[in-house]
Amino acid sequence: MKEEIRRAIAFTLLAPESGEADAFLYSHALDHRTKMRGNRRDFHDYGADARVVNYGAQLYHYGLWQYVDLVVNGASFSGYDHGSKNHFEGVINSGTVQLYDRSESRYFQYAIAPPP
């Protein structure tokens, strides 16, 4: 799964329900902050220079032109990345998303961070 897709999933899970937030999403694996703007239904990823829209159980990433299935059940989530043709799952805990990417067979962790 591409980093841009993991970021989109993480921000969808951590972003505010409504309104327009400016935030930085921190990737622990890359030790990198990416500016994001919007809410969990519709946002812009400045690192990918792309819009991502949440259509209920699917995200659509306009930069990569692909869908991601996403099901949230309380503090856990799972889904399918149509780009890599692989499943993923994870948990949301104290403002942090831990995502297991089956295509890479490893965990990735994301959090909203202060500006650099």
PDB file of N, CA and C in Angstrom:
ATOM      1  N   MET A   1       0.851  -1.172   0.000  1.00  0.00           N
ATOM      2  CA  MET A   1       0.000   0.000   0.000  1.00  0.00           C
ATOM      3  C   MET A   1       0.897   1.234   0.000  1.00  0.00           C
ATOM      4  N   LYS A   2       0.499   2.218  -0.759  1.00  0.00           N
ATOM      5  CA  LYS A   2       1.288   3.446  -0.835  1.00  0.00           C
ATOM      6  C   LYS A   2       1.117   4.282   0.441  1.00  0.00           C
ATOM      7  N   GLU A   3       2.157   5.033   0.760  1.00  0.00           N
ATOM      8  CA  GLU A   3       2.129   5.910   1.935  1.00  0.00           C
ATOM      9  C   GLU A   3       0.955   6.892   1.869  1.00  0.00           C
ATOM     10  N   GLU A   4       0.659   7.400   0.687  1.00  0.00           N
ATOM     11  CA  GLU A   4      -0.443   8.355   0.541  1.00  0.00           C
ATOM     12  C   GLU A   4      -1.782   7.746   0.965  1.00  0.00           C
ATOM     13  N   ILE A   5      -1.961   6.468   0.704  1.00  0.00           N
ATOM     14  CA  ILE A   5      -3.196   5.775   1.099  1.00  0.00           C
ATOM     15  C   ILE A   5      -3.225   5.554   2.606  1.00  0.00           C
ATOM     16  N   ARG A   6      -2.104   5.126   3.180  1.00  0.00           N
ATOM     17  CA  ARG A   6      -2.056   4.960   4.646  1.00  0.00           C
ATOM     18  C   ARG A   6      -2.344   6.284   5.334  1.00  0.00           C
ATOM     19  N   ARG A   7      -1.770   7.373   4.812  1.00  0.00           N
ATOM     20  CA  ARG A   7      -2.016   8.712   5.377  1.00  0.00           C
ATOM     21  C   ARG A   7      -3.487   9.081   5.292  1.00  0.00           C
ATOM     22  N   ALA A   8      -4.113   8.808   4.159  1.00  0.00           N
ATOM     23  CA  ALA A   8      -5.531   9.129   3.976  1.00  0.00           C
ATOM     24  C   ALA A   8      -6.394   8.369   4.975  1.00  0.00           C
ATOM     25  N   ILE A   9      -6.098   7.107   5.176  1.00  0.00           N
ATOM     26  CA  ILE A   9      -6.848   6.305   6.152  1.00  0.00           C
ATOM     27  C   ILE A   9      -6.663   6.892   7.542  1.00  0.00           C
ATOM     28  N   ALA A  10      -5.428   7.167   7.923  1.00  0.00           N
ATOM     29  CA  ALA A  10      -5.138   7.690   9.262  1.00  0.00           C
ATOM     30  C   ALA A  10      -5.819   9.037   9.499  1.00  0.00           C
ATOM     31  N   PHE A  11      -5.743   9.947   8.527  1.00  0.00           N
ATOM     32  CA  PHE A  11      -6.355  11.257   8.734  1.00  0.00           C
ATOM     33  C   PHE A  11      -7.874  11.145   8.799  1.00  0.00           C
ATOM     34  N   THR A  12      -8.453  10.282   7.991  1.00  0.00           N
ATOM     35  CA  THR A  12      -9.902  10.054   8.055  1.00  0.00           C
ATOM     36  C   THR A  12     -10.313   9.631   9.462  1.00  0.00           C
ATOM     37  N   LEU A  13      -9.514   8.819  10.101  1.00  0.00           N
ATOM     38  CA  LEU A  13      -9.839   8.311  11.439  1.00  0.00           C
ATOM     39  C   LEU A  13      -9.556   9.326  12.540  1.00  0.00           C
ATOM     40  N   LEU A  14      -8.625  10.248  12.326  1.00  0.00           N
ATOM     41  CA  LEU A  14      -8.227  11.195  13.372  1.00  0.00           C
ATOM     42  C   LEU A  14      -8.795  12.599  13.209  1.00  0.00           C
ATOM     43  N   ALA A  15      -9.240  12.940  12.027  1.00  0.00           N
ATOM     44  CA  ALA A  15      -9.705  14.302  11.737  1.00  0.00           C
ATOM     45  C   ALA A  15     -11.041  14.595  12.418  1.00  0.00           C
ATOM     46  N   PRO A  16     -11.358  15.881  12.571  1.00  0.00           N
ATOM     47  CA  PRO A  16     -12.662  16.238  13.131  1.00  0.00           C
ATOM     48  C   PRO A  16     -13.797  15.804  12.202  1.00  0.00           C
ATOM     49  N   GLU A  17     -14.964  15.577  12.797  1.00  0.00           N
ATOM     50  CA  GLU A  17     -16.145  15.143  12.044  1.00  0.00           C
ATOM     51  C   GLU A  17     -16.588  16.191  11.026  1.00  0.00           C
ATOM     52  N   SER A  18     -16.527  17.458  11.416  1.00  0.00           N
ATOM     53  CA  SER A  18     -16.958  18.530  10.525  1.00  0.00           C
ATOM     54  C   SER A  18     -16.046  19.741  10.716  1.00  0.00           C
ATOM     55  N   GLY A  19     -16.336  20.797   9.984  1.00  0.00           N
ATOM     56  CA  GLY A  19     -15.482  21.977  10.058  1.00  0.00           C
ATOM     57  C   GLY A  19     -14.306  21.843   9.128  1.00  0.00           C
ATOM     58  N   GLU A  20     -13.369  22.749   9.275  1.00  0.00           N
ATOM     59  CA  GLU A  20     -12.189  22.770   8.413  1.00  0.00           C
ATOM     60  C   GLU A  20     -10.965  22.924   9.307  1.00  0.00           C
ATOM     61  N   ALA A  21     -10.245  21.865   9.509  1.00  0.00           N
ATOM     62  CA  ALA A  21      -9.078  21.889  10.385  1.00  0.00           C
ATOM     63  C   ALA A  21      -7.796  21.907   9.565  1.00  0.00           C
ATOM     64  N   ASP A  22      -6.822  22.686  10.019  1.00  0.00           N
ATOM     65  CA  ASP A  22      -5.458  22.606   9.505  1.00  0.00           C
ATOM     66  C   ASP A  22      -4.694  21.744  10.486  1.00  0.00           C
ATOM     67  N   ALA A  23      -4.043  20.719  10.006  1.00  0.00           N
ATOM     68  CA  ALA A  23      -3.344  19.805  10.907  1.00  0.00           C
ATOM     69  C   ALA A  23      -2.113  19.240  10.207  1.00  0.00           C
ATOM     70  N   PHE A  24      -1.237  18.672  11.018  1.00  0.00           N
ATOM     71  CA  PHE A  24      -0.090  17.944  10.498  1.00  0.00           C
ATOM     72  C   PHE A  24      -0.212  16.504  10.966  1.00  0.00           C
ATOM     73  N   LEU A  25      -0.139  15.578  10.012  1.00  0.00           N
ATOM     74  CA  LEU A  25      -0.190  14.162  10.328  1.00  0.00           C
ATOM     75  C   LEU A  25       1.243  13.652  10.396  1.00  0.00           C
ATOM     76  N   TYR A  26       1.596  13.065  11.528  1.00  0.00           N
ATOM     77  CA  TYR A  26       2.963  12.590  11.734  1.00  0.00           C
ATOM     78  C   TYR A  26       3.039  11.088  11.480  1.00  0.00           C
ATOM     79  N   SER A  27       3.969  10.688  10.619  1.00  0.00           N
ATOM     80  CA  SER A  27       4.249   9.281  10.357  1.00  0.00           C
ATOM     81  C   SER A  27       5.462   8.880  11.186  1.00  0.00           C
ATOM     82  N   HIS A  28       5.277   7.952  12.114  1.00  0.00           N
ATOM     83  CA  HIS A  28       6.392   7.476  12.935  1.00  0.00           C
ATOM     84  C   HIS A  28       7.415   6.726  12.077  1.00  0.00           C
ATOM     85  N   ALA A  29       6.943   5.969  11.099  1.00  0.00           N
ATOM     86  CA  ALA A  29       7.849   5.179  10.253  1.00  0.00           C
ATOM     87  C   ALA A  29       8.783   6.061   9.432  1.00  0.00           C
ATOM     88  N   LEU A  30       8.257   7.184   8.940  1.00  0.00           N
ATOM     89  CA  LEU A  30       9.055   8.081   8.106  1.00  0.00           C
ATOM     90  C   LEU A  30       9.654   9.244   8.875  1.00  0.00           C
ATOM     91  N   ASP A  31       9.235   9.405  10.143  1.00  0.00           N
ATOM     92  CA  ASP A  31       9.628  10.563  10.951  1.00  0.00           C
ATOM     93  C   ASP A  31       9.376  11.844  10.155  1.00  0.00           C
ATOM     94  N   HIS A  32       8.120  11.968   9.690  1.00  0.00           N
ATOM     95  CA  HIS A  32       7.766  13.069   8.788  1.00  0.00           C
ATOM     96  C   HIS A  32       6.355  13.573   9.082  1.00  0.00           C
ATOM     97  N   ARG A  33       6.182  14.900   9.008  1.00  0.00           N
ATOM     98  CA  ARG A  33       4.864  15.530   9.152  1.00  0.00           C
ATOM     99  C   ARG A  33       4.356  15.941   7.779  1.00  0.00           C
ATOM    100  N   THR A  34       3.064  15.713   7.544  1.00  0.00           N
ATOM    101  CA  THR A  34       2.426  16.118   6.296  1.00  0.00           C
ATOM    102  C   THR A  34       1.251  17.019   6.625  1.00  0.00           C
ATOM    103  N   LYS A  35       1.179  18.171   5.971  1.00  0.00           N
ATOM    104  CA  LYS A  35       0.076  19.088   6.207  1.00  0.00           C
ATOM    105  C   LYS A  35      -1.204  18.535   5.580  1.00  0.00           C
ATOM    106  N   MET A  36      -2.291  18.605   6.366  1.00  0.00           N
ATOM    107  CA  MET A  36      -3.607  18.172   5.915  1.00  0.00           C
ATOM    108  C   MET A  36      -4.591  19.296   6.242  1.00  0.00           C
ATOM    109  N   ARG A  37      -5.634  19.433   5.428  1.00  0.00           N
ATOM    110  CA  ARG A  37      -6.650  20.455   5.691  1.00  0.00           C
ATOM    111  C   ARG A  37      -8.023  19.904   5.333  1.00  0.00           C
ATOM    112  N   GLY A  38      -8.947  20.012   6.288  1.00  0.00           N
ATOM    113  CA  GLY A  38     -10.317  19.570   6.049  1.00  0.00           C
ATOM    114  C   GLY A  38     -10.864  18.798   7.234  1.00  0.00           C
ATOM    115  N   ASN A  39     -11.771  17.882   6.958  1.00  0.00           N
ATOM    116  CA  ASN A  39     -12.353  17.034   7.992  1.00  0.00           C
ATOM    117  C   ASN A  39     -12.406  15.603   7.469  1.00  0.00           C
ATOM    118  N   ARG A  40     -12.930  14.705   8.265  1.00  0.00           N
ATOM    119  CA  ARG A  40     -12.858  13.292   7.877  1.00  0.00           C
ATOM    120  C   ARG A  40     -13.691  12.941   6.647  1.00  0.00           C
ATOM    121  N   ARG A  41     -14.556  13.832   6.227  1.00  0.00           N
ATOM    122  CA  ARG A  41     -15.387  13.559   5.048  1.00  0.00           C
ATOM    123  C   ARG A  41     -14.771  14.077   3.742  1.00  0.00           C
ATOM    124  N   ASP A  42     -13.915  15.096   3.867  1.00  0.00           N
ATOM    125  CA  ASP A  42     -13.358  15.735   2.673  1.00  0.00           C
ATOM    126  C   ASP A  42     -12.125  16.527   3.091  1.00  0.00           C
ATOM    127  N   PHE A  43     -10.958  16.143   2.597  1.00  0.00           N
ATOM    128  CA  PHE A  43      -9.735  16.848   2.994  1.00  0.00           C
ATOM    129  C   PHE A  43      -8.711  16.874   1.878  1.00  0.00           C
ATOM    130  N   HIS A  44      -7.711  17.718   2.079  1.00  0.00           N
ATOM    131  CA  HIS A  44      -6.614  17.856   1.132  1.00  0.00           C
ATOM    132  C   HIS A  44      -5.326  17.406   1.803  1.00  0.00           C
ATOM    133  N   ASP A  45      -4.600  16.521   1.143  1.00  0.00           N
ATOM    134  CA  ASP A  45      -3.292  16.050   1.590  1.00  0.00           C
ATOM    135  C   ASP A  45      -2.265  16.852   0.799  1.00  0.00           C
ATOM    136  N   TYR A  46      -1.568  17.771   1.486  1.00  0.00           N
ATOM    137  CA  TYR A  46      -0.597  18.625   0.806  1.00  0.00           C
ATOM    138  C   TYR A  46       0.643  17.868   0.362  1.00  0.00           C
ATOM    139  N   GLY A  47       0.980  16.764   1.024  1.00  0.00           N
ATOM    140  CA  GLY A  47       2.128  15.961   0.610  1.00  0.00           C
ATOM    141  C   GLY A  47       1.899  15.291  -0.733  1.00  0.00           C
ATOM    142  N   ALA A  48       0.669  14.886  -0.981  1.00  0.00           N
ATOM    143  CA  ALA A  48       0.308  14.255  -2.249  1.00  0.00           C
ATOM    144  C   ALA A  48      -0.324  15.253  -3.203  1.00  0.00           C
ATOM    145  N   ASP A  49      -0.584  16.474  -2.704  1.00  0.00           N
ATOM    146  CA  ASP A  49      -1.309  17.508  -3.442  1.00  0.00           C
ATOM    147  C   ASP A  49      -2.585  16.921  -4.048  1.00  0.00           C
ATOM    148  N   ALA A  50      -3.390  16.287  -3.166  1.00  0.00           N
ATOM    149  CA  ALA A  50      -4.579  15.599  -3.642  1.00  0.00           C
ATOM    150  C   ALA A  50      -5.726  15.705  -2.646  1.00  0.00           C
ATOM    151  N   ARG A  51      -6.905  15.677  -3.188  1.00  0.00           N
ATOM    152  CA  ARG A  51      -8.129  15.660  -2.392  1.00  0.00           C
ATOM    153  C   ARG A  51      -8.512  14.214  -2.111  1.00  0.00           C
ATOM    154  N   VAL A  52      -9.045  13.986  -0.901  1.00  0.00           N
ATOM    155  CA  VAL A  52      -9.556  12.671  -0.521  1.00  0.00           C
ATOM    156  C   VAL A  52     -10.968  12.877   0.003  1.00  0.00           C
ATOM    157  N   VAL A  53     -11.907  12.086  -0.500  1.00  0.00           N
ATOM    158  CA  VAL A  53     -13.305  12.207  -0.093  1.00  0.00           C
ATOM    159  C   VAL A  53     -13.774  10.881   0.485  1.00  0.00           C
ATOM    160  N   ASN A  54     -14.505  10.976   1.594  1.00  0.00           N
ATOM    161  CA  ASN A  54     -15.056   9.815   2.274  1.00  0.00           C
ATOM    162  C   ASN A  54     -16.495   9.631   1.804  1.00  0.00           C
ATOM    163  N   TYR A  55     -16.762   8.531   1.127  1.00  0.00           N
ATOM    164  CA  TYR A  55     -18.102   8.202   0.643  1.00  0.00           C
ATOM    165  C   TYR A  55     -18.680   7.066   1.480  1.00  0.00           C
ATOM    166  N   GLY A  56     -18.798   7.281   2.784  1.00  0.00           N
ATOM    167  CA  GLY A  56     -19.361   6.245   3.657  1.00  0.00           C
ATOM    168  C   GLY A  56     -18.354   5.161   3.933  1.00  0.00           C
ATOM    169  N   ALA A  57     -18.509   4.011   3.300  1.00  0.00           N
ATOM    170  CA  ALA A  57     -17.598   2.888   3.538  1.00  0.00           C
ATOM    171  C   ALA A  57     -16.423   2.885   2.566  1.00  0.00           C
ATOM    172  N   GLN A  58     -16.273   3.953   1.775  1.00  0.00           N
ATOM    173  CA  GLN A  58     -15.156   4.028   0.841  1.00  0.00           C
ATOM    174  C   GLN A  58     -14.530   5.417   0.864  1.00  0.00           C
ATOM    175  N   LEU A  59     -13.215   5.429   0.692  1.00  0.00           N
ATOM    176  CA  LEU A  59     -12.485   6.672   0.474  1.00  0.00           C
ATOM    177  C   LEU A  59     -12.112   6.699  -1.001  1.00  0.00           C
ATOM    178  N   TYR A  60     -12.086   7.900  -1.562  1.00  0.00           N
ATOM    179  CA  TYR A  60     -11.577   8.026  -2.918  1.00  0.00           C
ATOM    180  C   TYR A  60     -10.434   9.023  -2.904  1.00  0.00           C
ATOM    181  N   HIS A  61      -9.272   8.575  -3.348  1.00  0.00           N
ATOM    182  CA  HIS A  61      -8.067   9.392  -3.401  1.00  0.00           C
ATOM    183  C   HIS A  61      -7.933   9.929  -4.825  1.00  0.00           C
ATOM    184  N   TYR A  62      -8.173  11.241  -4.994  1.00  0.00           N
ATOM    185  CA  TYR A  62      -8.152  11.833  -6.327  1.00  0.00           C
ATOM    186  C   TYR A  62      -6.751  11.958  -6.918  1.00  0.00           C
ATOM    187  N   GLY A  63      -5.718  11.916  -6.094  1.00  0.00           N
ATOM    188  CA  GLY A  63      -4.359  11.973  -6.618  1.00  0.00           C
ATOM    189  C   GLY A  63      -3.929  10.660  -7.240  1.00  0.00           C
ATOM    190  N   LEU A  64      -4.361   9.556  -6.656  1.00  0.00           N
ATOM    191  CA  LEU A  64      -4.002   8.229  -7.160  1.00  0.00           C
ATOM    192  C   LEU A  64      -5.135   7.592  -7.967  1.00  0.00           C
ATOM    193  N   TRP A  65      -6.304   8.249  -7.978  1.00  0.00           N
ATOM    194  CA  TRP A  65      -7.468   7.763  -8.710  1.00  0.00           C
ATOM    195  C   TRP A  65      -7.846   6.352  -8.293  1.00  0.00           C
ATOM    196  N   GLN A  66      -7.986   6.165  -6.962  1.00  0.00           N
ATOM    197  CA  GLN A  66      -8.341   4.831  -6.492  1.00  0.00           C
ATOM    198  C   GLN A  66      -9.206   4.866  -5.245  1.00  0.00           C
ATOM    199  N   TYR A  67      -9.944   3.774  -5.078  1.00  0.00           N
ATOM    200  CA  TYR A  67     -10.812   3.591  -3.914  1.00  0.00           C
ATOM    201  C   TYR A  67     -10.133   2.770  -2.836  1.00  0.00           C
ATOM    202  N   VAL A  68     -10.558   3.031  -1.613  1.00  0.00           N
ATOM    203  CA  VAL A  68     -10.149   2.241  -0.454  1.00  0.00           C
ATOM    204  C   VAL A  68     -11.415   1.956   0.339  1.00  0.00           C
ATOM    205  N   ASP A  69     -11.689   0.689   0.606  1.00  0.00           N
ATOM    206  CA  ASP A  69     -12.814   0.318   1.470  1.00  0.00           C
ATOM    207  C   ASP A  69     -12.365   0.489   2.912  1.00  0.00           C
ATOM    208  N   LEU A  70     -13.215   1.095   3.753  1.00  0.00           N
ATOM    209  CA  LEU A  70     -12.863   1.339   5.153  1.00  0.00           C
ATOM    210  C   LEU A  70     -14.088   1.119   6.031  1.00  0.00           C
ATOM    211  N   VAL A  71     -13.967   0.186   6.977  1.00  0.00           N
ATOM    212  CA  VAL A  71     -15.029  -0.109   7.932  1.00  0.00           C
ATOM    213  C   VAL A  71     -14.492   0.171   9.323  1.00  0.00           C
ATOM    214  N   VAL A  72     -15.195   1.039  10.055  1.00  0.00           N
ATOM    215  CA  VAL A  72     -14.794   1.390  11.419  1.00  0.00           C
ATOM    216  C   VAL A  72     -15.786   0.768  12.392  1.00  0.00           C
ATOM    217  N   ASN A  73     -15.252   0.093  13.396  1.00  0.00           N
ATOM    218  CA  ASN A  73     -16.078  -0.546  14.410  1.00  0.00           C
ATOM    219  C   ASN A  73     -15.528  -0.160  15.782  1.00  0.00           C
ATOM    220  N   GLY A  74     -16.029   0.951  16.322  1.00  0.00           N
ATOM    221  CA  GLY A  74     -15.515   1.443  17.600  1.00  0.00           C
ATOM    222  C   GLY A  74     -14.095   1.940  17.437  1.00  0.00           C
ATOM    223  N   ALA A  75     -13.177   1.346  18.192  1.00  0.00           N
ATOM    224  CA  ALA A  75     -11.769   1.753  18.142  1.00  0.00           C
ATOM    225  C   ALA A  75     -10.953   0.906  17.176  1.00  0.00           C
ATOM    226  N   SER A  76     -11.599   0.025  16.439  1.00  0.00           N
ATOM    227  CA  SER A  76     -10.866  -0.776  15.460  1.00  0.00           C
ATOM    228  C   SER A  76     -11.398  -0.487  14.060  1.00  0.00           C
ATOM    229  N   PHE A  77     -10.593  -0.810  13.069  1.00  0.00           N
ATOM    230  CA  PHE A  77     -10.985  -0.588  11.683  1.00  0.00           C
ATOM    231  C   PHE A  77     -10.340  -1.652  10.805  1.00  0.00           C
ATOM    232  N   SER A  78     -10.898  -1.820   9.619  1.00  0.00           N
ATOM    233  CA  SER A  78     -10.336  -2.749   8.644  1.00  0.00           C
ATOM    234  C   SER A  78     -10.761  -2.280   7.261  1.00  0.00           C
ATOM    235  N   GLY A  79     -10.142  -2.845   6.244  1.00  0.00           N
ATOM    236  CA  GLY A  79     -10.514  -2.450   4.904  1.00  0.00           C
ATOM    237  C   GLY A  79      -9.692  -3.123   3.838  1.00  0.00           C
ATOM    238  N   TYR A  80      -9.884  -2.608   2.637  1.00  0.00           N
ATOM    239  CA  TYR A  80      -9.234  -3.170   1.454  1.00  0.00           C
ATOM    240  C   TYR A  80      -8.740  -2.031   0.567  1.00  0.00           C
ATOM    241  N   ASP A  81      -7.472  -2.090   0.204  1.00  0.00           N
ATOM    242  CA  ASP A  81      -6.868  -1.101  -0.680  1.00  0.00           C
ATOM    243  C   ASP A  81      -6.927  -1.648  -2.111  1.00  0.00           C
ATOM    244  N   HIS A  82      -7.721  -1.009  -2.959  1.00  0.00           N
ATOM    245  CA  HIS A  82      -7.895  -1.483  -4.335  1.00  0.00           C
ATOM    246  C   HIS A  82      -6.635  -1.288  -5.174  1.00  0.00           C
ATOM    247  N   GLY A  83      -5.756  -0.375  -4.781  1.00  0.00           N
ATOM    248  CA  GLY A  83      -4.513  -0.165  -5.512  1.00  0.00           C
ATOM    249  C   GLY A  83      -3.533  -1.307  -5.340  1.00  0.00           C
ATOM    250  N   SER A  84      -3.276  -1.695  -4.087  1.00  0.00           N
ATOM    251  CA  SER A  84      -2.332  -2.788  -3.820  1.00  0.00           C
ATOM    252  C   SER A  84      -3.018  -4.150  -3.806  1.00  0.00           C
ATOM    253  N   LYS A  85      -4.365  -4.127  -3.823  1.00  0.00           N
ATOM    254  CA  LYS A  85      -5.169  -5.352  -3.769  1.00  0.00           C
ATOM    255  C   LYS A  85      -4.876  -6.152  -2.501  1.00  0.00           C
ATOM    256  N   ASN A  86      -4.798  -5.421  -1.381  1.00  0.00           N
ATOM    257  CA  ASN A  86      -4.522  -6.050  -0.092  1.00  0.00           C
ATOM    258  C   ASN A  86      -5.412  -5.477   0.999  1.00  0.00           C
ATOM    259  N   HIS A  87      -5.587  -6.273   2.035  1.00  0.00           N
ATOM    260  CA  HIS A  87      -6.362  -5.859   3.204  1.00  0.00           C
ATOM    261  C   HIS A  87      -5.451  -5.173   4.219  1.00  0.00           C
ATOM    262  N   PHE A  88      -6.096  -4.448   5.120  1.00  0.00           N
ATOM    263  CA  PHE A  88      -5.402  -3.809   6.233  1.00  0.00           C
ATOM    264  C   PHE A  88      -6.353  -3.790   7.420  1.00  0.00           C
ATOM    265  N   GLU A  89      -5.805  -3.583   8.595  1.00  0.00           N
ATOM    266  CA  GLU A  89      -6.610  -3.428   9.803  1.00  0.00           C
ATOM    267  C   GLU A  89      -5.819  -2.633  10.818  1.00  0.00           C
ATOM    268  N   GLY A  90      -6.492  -2.233  11.889  1.00  0.00           N
ATOM    269  CA  GLY A  90      -5.782  -1.478  12.905  1.00  0.00           C
ATOM    270  C   GLY A  90      -6.676  -1.015  14.029  1.00  0.00           C
ATOM    271  N   VAL A  91      -6.085  -0.166  14.872  1.00  0.00           N
ATOM    272  CA  VAL A  91      -6.788   0.371  16.030  1.00  0.00           C
ATOM    273  C   VAL A  91      -6.514   1.863  16.154  1.00  0.00           C
ATOM    274  N   ILE A  92      -7.463   2.540  16.789  1.00  0.00           N
ATOM    275  CA  ILE A  92      -7.332   3.953  17.116  1.00  0.00           C
ATOM    276  C   ILE A  92      -7.216   4.007  18.635  1.00  0.00           C
ATOM    277  N   ASN A  93      -6.143   4.634  19.128  1.00  0.00           N
ATOM    278  CA  ASN A  93      -5.917   4.651  20.563  1.00  0.00           C
ATOM    279  C   ASN A  93      -5.292   5.982  20.974  1.00  0.00           C
ATOM    280  N   SER A  94      -5.993   6.754  21.783  1.00  0.00           N
ATOM    281  CA  SER A  94      -5.490   8.022  22.319  1.00  0.00           C
ATOM    282  C   SER A  94      -4.941   8.955  21.238  1.00  0.00           C
ATOM    283  N   GLY A  95      -5.696   9.162  20.180  1.00  0.00           N
ATOM    284  CA  GLY A  95      -5.267  10.078  19.136  1.00  0.00           C
ATOM    285  C   GLY A  95      -4.195   9.535  18.226  1.00  0.00           C
ATOM    286  N   THR A  96      -3.995   8.237  18.243  1.00  0.00           N
ATOM    287  CA  THR A  96      -3.001   7.585  17.398  1.00  0.00           C
ATOM    288  C   THR A  96      -3.664   6.471  16.604  1.00  0.00           C
ATOM    289  N   VAL A  97      -3.263   6.323  15.360  1.00  0.00           N
ATOM    290  CA  VAL A  97      -3.736   5.225  14.523  1.00  0.00           C
ATOM    291  C   VAL A  97      -2.580   4.262  14.315  1.00  0.00           C
ATOM    292  N   GLN A  98      -2.830   2.986  14.620  1.00  0.00           N
ATOM    293  CA  GLN A  98      -1.854   1.945  14.323  1.00  0.00           C
ATOM    294  C   GLN A  98      -2.465   1.063  13.239  1.00  0.00           C
ATOM    295  N   LEU A  99      -1.847   1.052  12.066  1.00  0.00           N
ATOM    296  CA  LEU A  99      -2.379   0.370  10.901  1.00  0.00           C
ATOM    297  C   LEU A  99      -1.460  -0.778  10.514  1.00  0.00           C
ATOM    298  N   TYR A 100      -2.039  -1.974  10.369  1.00  0.00           N
ATOM    299  CA  TYR A 100      -1.267  -3.113   9.876  1.00  0.00           C
ATOM    300  C   TYR A 100      -1.534  -3.251   8.381  1.00  0.00           C
ATOM    301  N   ASP A 101      -0.498  -3.046   7.592  1.00  0.00           N
ATOM    302  CA  ASP A 101      -0.571  -3.111   6.133  1.00  0.00           C
ATOM    303  C   ASP A 101      -0.150  -4.518   5.709  1.00  0.00           C
ATOM    304  N   ARG A 102      -1.104  -5.314   5.244  1.00  0.00           N
ATOM    305  CA  ARG A 102      -0.801  -6.700   4.859  1.00  0.00           C
ATOM    306  C   ARG A 102       0.098  -6.793   3.630  1.00  0.00           C
ATOM    307  N   SER A 103       0.058  -5.788   2.767  1.00  0.00           N
ATOM    308  CA  SER A 103       0.927  -5.832   1.589  1.00  0.00           C
ATOM    309  C   SER A 103       2.393  -5.669   1.978  1.00  0.00           C
ATOM    310  N   GLU A 104       2.653  -5.005   3.108  1.00  0.00           N
ATOM    311  CA  GLU A 104       4.030  -4.813   3.574  1.00  0.00           C
ATOM    312  C   GLU A 104       4.346  -5.714   4.770  1.00  0.00           C
ATOM    313  N   SER A 105       3.318  -6.361   5.326  1.00  0.00           N
ATOM    314  CA  SER A 105       3.461  -7.230   6.499  1.00  0.00           C
ATOM    315  C   SER A 105       4.112  -6.500   7.667  1.00  0.00           C
ATOM    316  N   ARG A 106       3.631  -5.266   7.912  1.00  0.00           N
ATOM    317  CA  ARG A 106       4.163  -4.500   9.031  1.00  0.00           C
ATOM    318  C   ARG A 106       3.184  -3.436   9.498  1.00  0.00           C
ATOM    319  N   TYR A 107       3.463  -2.916  10.690  1.00  0.00           N
ATOM    320  CA  TYR A 107       2.634  -1.882  11.304  1.00  0.00           C
ATOM    321  C   TYR A 107       3.160  -0.490  10.972  1.00  0.00           C
ATOM    322  N   PHE A 108       2.237   0.464  10.870  1.00  0.00           N
ATOM    323  CA  PHE A 108       2.553   1.867  10.676  1.00  0.00           C
ATOM    324  C   PHE A 108       1.742   2.663  11.688  1.00  0.00           C
ATOM    325  N   GLN A 109       2.349   3.672  12.265  1.00  0.00           N
ATOM    326  CA  GLN A 109       1.669   4.471  13.283  1.00  0.00           C
ATOM    327  C   GLN A 109       1.635   5.945  12.871  1.00  0.00           C
ATOM    328  N   TYR A 110       0.469   6.586  13.101  1.00  0.00           N
ATOM    329  CA  TYR A 110       0.243   7.979  12.728  1.00  0.00           C
ATOM    330  C   TYR A 110      -0.425   8.710  13.884  1.00  0.00           C
ATOM    331  N   ALA A 111      -0.163  10.020  13.963  1.00  0.00           N
ATOM    332  CA  ALA A 111      -0.803  10.861  14.975  1.00  0.00           C
ATOM    333  C   ALA A 111      -0.870  12.288  14.452  1.00  0.00           C
ATOM    334  N   ILE A 112      -1.816  13.053  14.976  1.00  0.00           N
ATOM    335  CA  ILE A 112      -1.865  14.485  14.676  1.00  0.00           C
ATOM    336  C   ILE A 112      -0.750  15.131  15.486  1.00  0.00           C
ATOM    337  N   ALA A 113       0.057  15.959  14.833  1.00  0.00           N
ATOM    338  CA  ALA A 113       1.234  16.546  15.490  1.00  0.00           C
ATOM    339  C   ALA A 113       1.206  18.054  15.390  1.00  0.00           C
ATOM    340  N   PRO A 114       1.935  18.709  16.269  1.00  0.00           N
ATOM    341  CA  PRO A 114       2.063  20.173  16.150  1.00  0.00           C
ATOM    342  C   PRO A 114       2.870  20.532  14.907  1.00  0.00           C
ATOM    343  N   PRO A 115       2.722  21.757  14.424  1.00  0.00           N
ATOM    344  CA  PRO A 115       3.498  22.161  13.242  1.00  0.00           C
ATOM    345  C   PRO A 115       4.999  22.052  13.498  1.00  0.00           C
ATOM    346  N   PRO A 116       5.764  21.796  12.444  1.00  0.00           N
ATOM    347  CA  PRO A 116       7.225  21.669  12.621  1.00  0.00           C
ATOM    348  C   PRO A 116       7.864  22.997  12.998  1.00  0.00           C
TER     349      PRO A 116
END
